[in-house]
Every structure is written in structure tokens, then in C-alpha cells.
């Protein structure tokens, strides 16, 4: 399970594509969190990875609402790391833009 999130954190787009194309790759694998409580989607947002992010946005297995232990979601992480391209992609997604006002554990 660590392989998917680690591939995203390192920007290994080929490995991510291979795993997403494999329809036996489960939601649990795709939404697995690493030791910091971050998923592949979190890393795509905080790294401003505009090659990876669209792949994850179109996959039905990705949990867009999953948060870190500090309740930081994808908008928090993209904003925190000044990932402007990621933010632009996120706000264009109707099913995701509703998450923009979610609060972290600090309110």
C-alpha cells in the first residue's frame, strides 16, 4: 500500500498510471496514508503536481474528502504550499469545490 502514496510523493507518474490502470488496485491502496497521514492526492496538491492531479481527479476510487491528522484537506495543503496550479484545477471540479470551506483542527 505504501507504494502508491510513495510514488505520488516522489512524482513517479509512470508508476501511478500503471497502478490506476490496474482496475484491481483497490480504494484502500489509492487512499492509503503514509506516516504523516497524507495520501497520494494530498501530495499531488502540495507538490503542485499538475501531471498527477488530473489523473487522480478523474478516478472514482480517490477519496477527495480524506484529511490529515490535523484535518487538513486538499485545499489546505495546496494553499499552505502555494500550489496555485493545483488550486486552479481543484476549483474547476464541481464535486470538489464544496470542500473549499472545510476547516482544519485549528478552525
N, C-alpha and C. Protein backbone atom coordinates (compact mmCIF):
# COMPACT_ATOMS: atom_id res chain seq x y z
N UNK A 1 0.80 -1.20 0.00
CA UNK A 1 0.00 0.00 0.00
C UNK A 1 0.84 1.27 0.00
N UNK A 2 1.95 1.21 0.68
CA UNK A 2 2.84 2.38 0.75
C UNK A 2 3.35 2.78 -0.62
N UNK A 3 3.42 1.82 -1.53
CA UNK A 3 4.00 2.10 -2.84
C UNK A 3 3.25 3.19 -3.58
N UNK A 4 1.93 3.21 -3.50
CA UNK A 4 1.14 4.20 -4.24
C UNK A 4 1.40 5.61 -3.72
N UNK A 5 1.27 5.80 -2.43
CA UNK A 5 1.47 7.13 -1.85
C UNK A 5 2.93 7.56 -2.00
N UNK A 6 3.87 6.65 -1.88
CA UNK A 6 5.28 6.99 -2.06
C UNK A 6 5.57 7.40 -3.50
N UNK A 7 4.96 6.70 -4.44
CA UNK A 7 5.14 7.06 -5.86
C UNK A 7 4.63 8.47 -6.11
N UNK A 8 3.50 8.81 -5.52
CA UNK A 8 2.94 10.16 -5.68
C UNK A 8 3.84 11.21 -5.03
N UNK A 9 4.31 10.91 -3.84
CA UNK A 9 5.17 11.86 -3.12
C UNK A 9 6.45 12.14 -3.89
N UNK A 10 6.94 11.14 -4.62
CA UNK A 10 8.18 11.27 -5.39
C UNK A 10 7.94 11.71 -6.83
N UNK A 11 6.68 11.84 -7.21
CA UNK A 11 6.36 12.26 -8.57
C UNK A 11 6.58 11.19 -9.62
N UNK A 12 6.46 9.92 -9.23
CA UNK A 12 6.64 8.81 -10.17
C UNK A 12 5.34 8.57 -10.95
N UNK A 13 5.14 9.38 -11.96
CA UNK A 13 3.90 9.37 -12.73
C UNK A 13 3.67 8.04 -13.44
N UNK A 14 4.73 7.42 -13.93
CA UNK A 14 4.58 6.13 -14.62
C UNK A 14 4.04 5.06 -13.70
N UNK A 15 4.55 5.00 -12.47
CA UNK A 15 4.07 4.01 -11.52
C UNK A 15 2.62 4.28 -11.13
N UNK A 16 2.29 5.53 -10.92
CA UNK A 16 0.90 5.89 -10.58
C UNK A 16 -0.03 5.50 -11.72
N UNK A 17 0.33 5.82 -12.95
CA UNK A 17 -0.51 5.46 -14.11
C UNK A 17 -0.71 3.96 -14.18
N UNK A 18 0.37 3.21 -13.98
CA UNK A 18 0.29 1.76 -14.05
C UNK A 18 -0.68 1.23 -13.00
N UNK A 19 -0.60 1.75 -11.79
CA UNK A 19 -1.48 1.27 -10.72
C UNK A 19 -2.93 1.71 -10.92
N UNK A 20 -3.14 2.92 -11.44
CA UNK A 20 -4.51 3.37 -11.71
C UNK A 20 -5.14 2.59 -12.85
N UNK A 21 -4.33 2.24 -13.85
CA UNK A 21 -4.84 1.46 -14.98
C UNK A 21 -5.22 0.04 -14.57
N UNK A 22 -4.61 -0.45 -13.51
CA UNK A 22 -4.93 -1.78 -13.00
C UNK A 22 -6.20 -1.67 -12.16
N UNK A 23 -7.30 -2.12 -12.71
CA UNK A 23 -8.60 -1.98 -12.04
C UNK A 23 -8.72 -2.83 -10.78
N UNK A 24 -7.73 -3.68 -10.52
CA UNK A 24 -7.74 -4.44 -9.26
C UNK A 24 -7.10 -3.63 -8.12
N UNK A 25 -6.51 -2.48 -8.45
CA UNK A 25 -5.96 -1.62 -7.41
C UNK A 25 -7.14 -1.05 -6.62
N UNK A 26 -7.17 -1.34 -5.34
CA UNK A 26 -8.34 -1.01 -4.52
C UNK A 26 -8.33 0.45 -4.05
N UNK A 27 -9.49 0.88 -3.58
CA UNK A 27 -9.62 2.20 -2.97
C UNK A 27 -8.69 2.33 -1.76
N UNK A 28 -8.54 1.24 -1.03
CA UNK A 28 -7.67 1.26 0.15
C UNK A 28 -6.22 1.58 -0.24
N UNK A 29 -5.77 1.03 -1.33
CA UNK A 29 -4.41 1.30 -1.80
C UNK A 29 -4.29 2.75 -2.25
N UNK A 30 -5.24 3.21 -3.03
CA UNK A 30 -5.19 4.57 -3.59
C UNK A 30 -5.33 5.64 -2.50
N UNK A 31 -6.08 5.36 -1.46
CA UNK A 31 -6.32 6.35 -0.40
C UNK A 31 -5.49 6.09 0.86
N UNK A 32 -4.53 5.19 0.75
CA UNK A 32 -3.66 4.86 1.89
C UNK A 32 -2.88 6.10 2.32
N UNK A 33 -2.69 6.25 3.62
CA UNK A 33 -1.91 7.36 4.14
C UNK A 33 -0.53 6.90 4.57
N UNK A 34 0.42 7.80 4.44
CA UNK A 34 1.79 7.50 4.87
C UNK A 34 1.95 7.85 6.34
N UNK A 35 3.17 7.85 6.82
CA UNK A 35 3.43 8.12 8.24
C UNK A 35 3.00 9.52 8.67
N UNK A 36 2.87 10.44 7.72
CA UNK A 36 2.43 11.80 8.02
C UNK A 36 0.92 11.98 7.84
N UNK A 37 0.23 10.89 7.49
CA UNK A 37 -1.21 10.96 7.32
C UNK A 37 -1.65 11.55 6.00
N UNK A 38 -0.77 11.51 5.00
CA UNK A 38 -1.07 12.09 3.69
C UNK A 38 -1.27 11.00 2.65
N UNK A 39 -2.19 11.28 1.74
CA UNK A 39 -2.47 10.36 0.63
C UNK A 39 -1.76 10.85 -0.63
N UNK A 40 -1.88 10.06 -1.68
CA UNK A 40 -1.33 10.46 -2.98
C UNK A 40 -1.95 11.78 -3.43
N UNK A 41 -3.25 11.94 -3.23
CA UNK A 41 -3.92 13.18 -3.62
C UNK A 41 -3.36 14.37 -2.84
N UNK A 42 -3.10 14.18 -1.56
CA UNK A 42 -2.51 15.26 -0.76
C UNK A 42 -1.17 15.68 -1.36
N UNK A 43 -0.35 14.71 -1.73
CA UNK A 43 0.96 15.04 -2.31
C UNK A 43 0.83 15.72 -3.66
N UNK A 44 -0.13 15.30 -4.46
CA UNK A 44 -0.34 15.96 -5.76
C UNK A 44 -0.69 17.43 -5.55
N UNK A 45 -1.48 17.71 -4.52
CA UNK A 45 -1.88 19.09 -4.23
C UNK A 45 -0.73 19.91 -3.65
N UNK A 46 -0.05 19.40 -2.66
CA UNK A 46 1.00 20.19 -2.04
C UNK A 46 2.24 20.33 -2.92
N UNK A 47 2.47 19.36 -3.81
CA UNK A 47 3.60 19.45 -4.73
C UNK A 47 3.26 20.21 -6.02
N UNK A 48 2.02 20.67 -6.13
CA UNK A 48 1.56 21.37 -7.33
C UNK A 48 1.82 20.52 -8.58
N UNK A 49 1.55 19.24 -8.44
CA UNK A 49 1.83 18.27 -9.49
C UNK A 49 0.67 18.23 -10.50
N UNK A 50 0.76 19.09 -11.51
CA UNK A 50 -0.32 19.22 -12.48
C UNK A 50 -0.35 18.08 -13.49
N UNK A 51 0.60 17.19 -13.44
CA UNK A 51 0.55 15.98 -14.27
C UNK A 51 -0.18 14.86 -13.53
N UNK A 52 0.06 14.76 -12.24
CA UNK A 52 -0.57 13.72 -11.42
C UNK A 52 -2.00 14.08 -11.02
N UNK A 53 -2.21 15.31 -10.64
CA UNK A 53 -3.51 15.72 -10.10
C UNK A 53 -4.68 15.39 -11.03
N UNK A 54 -4.63 15.68 -12.32
CA UNK A 54 -5.77 15.34 -13.18
C UNK A 54 -6.07 13.84 -13.23
N UNK A 55 -5.04 13.01 -13.14
CA UNK A 55 -5.25 11.56 -13.13
C UNK A 55 -6.05 11.14 -11.90
N UNK A 56 -5.71 11.72 -10.77
CA UNK A 56 -6.40 11.39 -9.53
C UNK A 56 -7.81 11.97 -9.50
N UNK A 57 -7.97 13.16 -10.05
CA UNK A 57 -9.28 13.81 -10.04
C UNK A 57 -10.32 13.04 -10.85
N UNK A 58 -9.88 12.32 -11.87
CA UNK A 58 -10.85 11.61 -12.70
C UNK A 58 -11.07 10.15 -12.27
N UNK A 59 -10.38 9.71 -11.25
CA UNK A 59 -10.52 8.33 -10.80
C UNK A 59 -11.55 8.24 -9.67
N UNK A 60 -12.56 7.42 -9.87
CA UNK A 60 -13.66 7.28 -8.90
C UNK A 60 -13.22 6.67 -7.57
N UNK A 61 -12.06 6.06 -7.52
CA UNK A 61 -11.60 5.42 -6.28
C UNK A 61 -10.96 6.40 -5.30
N UNK A 62 -10.66 7.61 -5.76
CA UNK A 62 -9.98 8.59 -4.92
C UNK A 62 -10.97 9.27 -3.97
N UNK A 63 -10.59 9.33 -2.70
CA UNK A 63 -11.40 9.99 -1.67
C UNK A 63 -10.94 11.45 -1.55
N UNK A 64 -11.71 12.37 -2.12
CA UNK A 64 -11.35 13.78 -2.12
C UNK A 64 -11.49 14.43 -0.75
N UNK A 65 -12.30 13.86 0.10
CA UNK A 65 -12.58 14.45 1.41
C UNK A 65 -11.64 13.96 2.51
N UNK A 66 -10.77 13.04 2.21
CA UNK A 66 -9.86 12.49 3.24
C UNK A 66 -8.94 13.60 3.74
N UNK A 67 -8.75 13.64 5.05
CA UNK A 67 -7.91 14.68 5.65
C UNK A 67 -6.73 14.06 6.41
N UNK A 68 -5.78 14.90 6.71
CA UNK A 68 -4.62 14.50 7.51
C UNK A 68 -5.02 14.45 8.98
N UNK A 69 -4.14 14.01 9.86
CA UNK A 69 -4.48 14.02 11.30
C UNK A 69 -4.82 15.41 11.84
N UNK A 70 -4.36 16.47 11.17
CA UNK A 70 -4.71 17.83 11.57
C UNK A 70 -5.97 18.32 10.86
N UNK A 71 -6.68 17.39 10.22
CA UNK A 71 -7.89 17.69 9.44
C UNK A 71 -7.62 18.62 8.27
N UNK A 72 -6.40 18.58 7.74
CA UNK A 72 -6.08 19.37 6.56
C UNK A 72 -6.49 18.59 5.32
N UNK A 73 -7.28 19.24 4.49
CA UNK A 73 -7.71 18.64 3.25
C UNK A 73 -6.88 19.13 2.08
N UNK A 74 -7.35 18.81 0.90
CA UNK A 74 -6.57 19.13 -0.30
C UNK A 74 -6.43 20.63 -0.51
N UNK A 75 -7.44 21.42 -0.19
CA UNK A 75 -7.33 22.87 -0.34
C UNK A 75 -6.36 23.46 0.68
N UNK A 76 -6.39 22.93 1.91
CA UNK A 76 -5.44 23.40 2.93
C UNK A 76 -4.01 23.19 2.46
N UNK A 77 -3.72 21.98 1.99
CA UNK A 77 -2.35 21.65 1.61
C UNK A 77 -1.90 22.43 0.37
N UNK A 78 -2.78 22.56 -0.60
CA UNK A 78 -2.42 23.33 -1.80
C UNK A 78 -2.16 24.79 -1.43
N UNK A 79 -2.97 25.34 -0.55
CA UNK A 79 -2.79 26.73 -0.12
C UNK A 79 -1.53 26.89 0.71
N UNK A 80 -1.33 25.98 1.65
CA UNK A 80 -0.18 26.05 2.54
C UNK A 80 1.14 26.05 1.77
N UNK A 81 1.17 25.29 0.67
CA UNK A 81 2.39 25.17 -0.13
C UNK A 81 2.37 26.04 -1.39
N UNK A 82 1.44 26.99 -1.44
CA UNK A 82 1.32 27.93 -2.58
C UNK A 82 1.25 27.21 -3.92
N UNK A 83 0.48 26.16 -3.96
CA UNK A 83 0.33 25.35 -5.17
C UNK A 83 -0.81 25.92 -6.03
N UNK A 84 -0.53 27.02 -6.69
CA UNK A 84 -1.57 27.76 -7.41
C UNK A 84 -2.17 26.98 -8.58
N UNK A 85 -1.36 26.23 -9.29
CA UNK A 85 -1.90 25.44 -10.40
C UNK A 85 -2.84 24.35 -9.89
N UNK A 86 -2.48 23.75 -8.77
CA UNK A 86 -3.34 22.73 -8.16
C UNK A 86 -4.66 23.36 -7.72
N UNK A 87 -4.59 24.51 -7.09
CA UNK A 87 -5.82 25.19 -6.65
C UNK A 87 -6.71 25.49 -7.85
N UNK A 88 -6.12 25.96 -8.93
CA UNK A 88 -6.91 26.25 -10.14
C UNK A 88 -7.60 25.00 -10.67
N UNK A 89 -6.91 23.87 -10.64
CA UNK A 89 -7.53 22.62 -11.08
C UNK A 89 -8.65 22.19 -10.13
N UNK A 90 -8.42 22.33 -8.85
CA UNK A 90 -9.41 21.90 -7.86
C UNK A 90 -10.71 22.70 -7.93
N UNK A 91 -10.60 24.01 -8.09
CA UNK A 91 -11.81 24.83 -8.08
C UNK A 91 -12.66 24.63 -9.33
N UNK A 92 -12.10 24.02 -10.34
CA UNK A 92 -12.87 23.74 -11.56
C UNK A 92 -13.70 22.46 -11.45
N UNK A 93 -13.48 21.70 -10.39
CA UNK A 93 -14.18 20.43 -10.20
C UNK A 93 -15.40 20.64 -9.31
N UNK A 94 -16.58 20.47 -9.87
CA UNK A 94 -17.82 20.70 -9.13
C UNK A 94 -17.95 19.86 -7.88
N UNK A 95 -17.52 18.61 -7.95
CA UNK A 95 -17.68 17.72 -6.80
C UNK A 95 -16.62 17.97 -5.72
N UNK A 96 -15.65 18.81 -6.00
CA UNK A 96 -14.58 19.09 -5.04
C UNK A 96 -14.67 20.49 -4.46
N UNK A 97 -15.13 21.43 -5.23
CA UNK A 97 -15.15 22.83 -4.78
C UNK A 97 -15.96 22.99 -3.49
N UNK A 98 -16.90 22.10 -3.23
CA UNK A 98 -17.68 22.16 -1.98
C UNK A 98 -16.80 21.96 -0.75
N UNK A 99 -15.60 21.42 -0.92
CA UNK A 99 -14.69 21.19 0.20
C UNK A 99 -13.84 22.41 0.55
N UNK A 100 -13.97 23.46 -0.23
CA UNK A 100 -13.09 24.61 -0.08
C UNK A 100 -13.20 25.29 1.30
N UNK A 101 -14.34 25.22 1.92
CA UNK A 101 -14.54 25.89 3.22
C UNK A 101 -14.36 24.97 4.42
N UNK A 102 -13.92 23.74 4.19
CA UNK A 102 -13.67 22.85 5.33
C UNK A 102 -12.60 23.43 6.25
N UNK A 103 -12.76 23.22 7.54
CA UNK A 103 -11.80 23.75 8.50
C UNK A 103 -10.91 22.64 9.02
N UNK A 104 -9.67 23.02 9.33
CA UNK A 104 -8.76 22.06 9.94
C UNK A 104 -9.00 22.06 11.46
N UNK A 105 -8.17 21.34 12.19
CA UNK A 105 -8.40 21.24 13.64
C UNK A 105 -8.18 22.55 14.38
N UNK A 106 -7.58 23.52 13.72
CA UNK A 106 -7.36 24.83 14.33
C UNK A 106 -8.48 25.82 14.00
N UNK A 107 -9.44 25.35 13.19
CA UNK A 107 -10.58 26.20 12.83
C UNK A 107 -10.27 27.09 11.67
